[in-house]
């Protein structure tokens, strides 16, 4: 009975996620209507304006560190916090020397 209830709850959660991410009637992110079509390809903008705006010659480094710098900083913070939490949880506990 518990396995059937767990499977049913996972199925409901999966269906809700599929419904929420469906492009026609799910949660809307970004531009609506047909405005997203002219902004969907940013790679050409980065290639044309990357050297002028950033000054670097490596386009990947320019995008990661200049155009998406705050996003990269946030990802690094989350990764550091996750690693620090995993280390804190997985290290052996110390006992008092009196015991």
Foldseek 3Di string as FASTA:
>chain_A
DVVVVVVVVVVVVVVVVVQQPDVPRHDDDDDDDCPVVVVVDCVVVLVVCVCVPPVDDDSVCSCDCPVCNVVNVVVVVVVVVVVVVVCVVPDDDDDDPVD
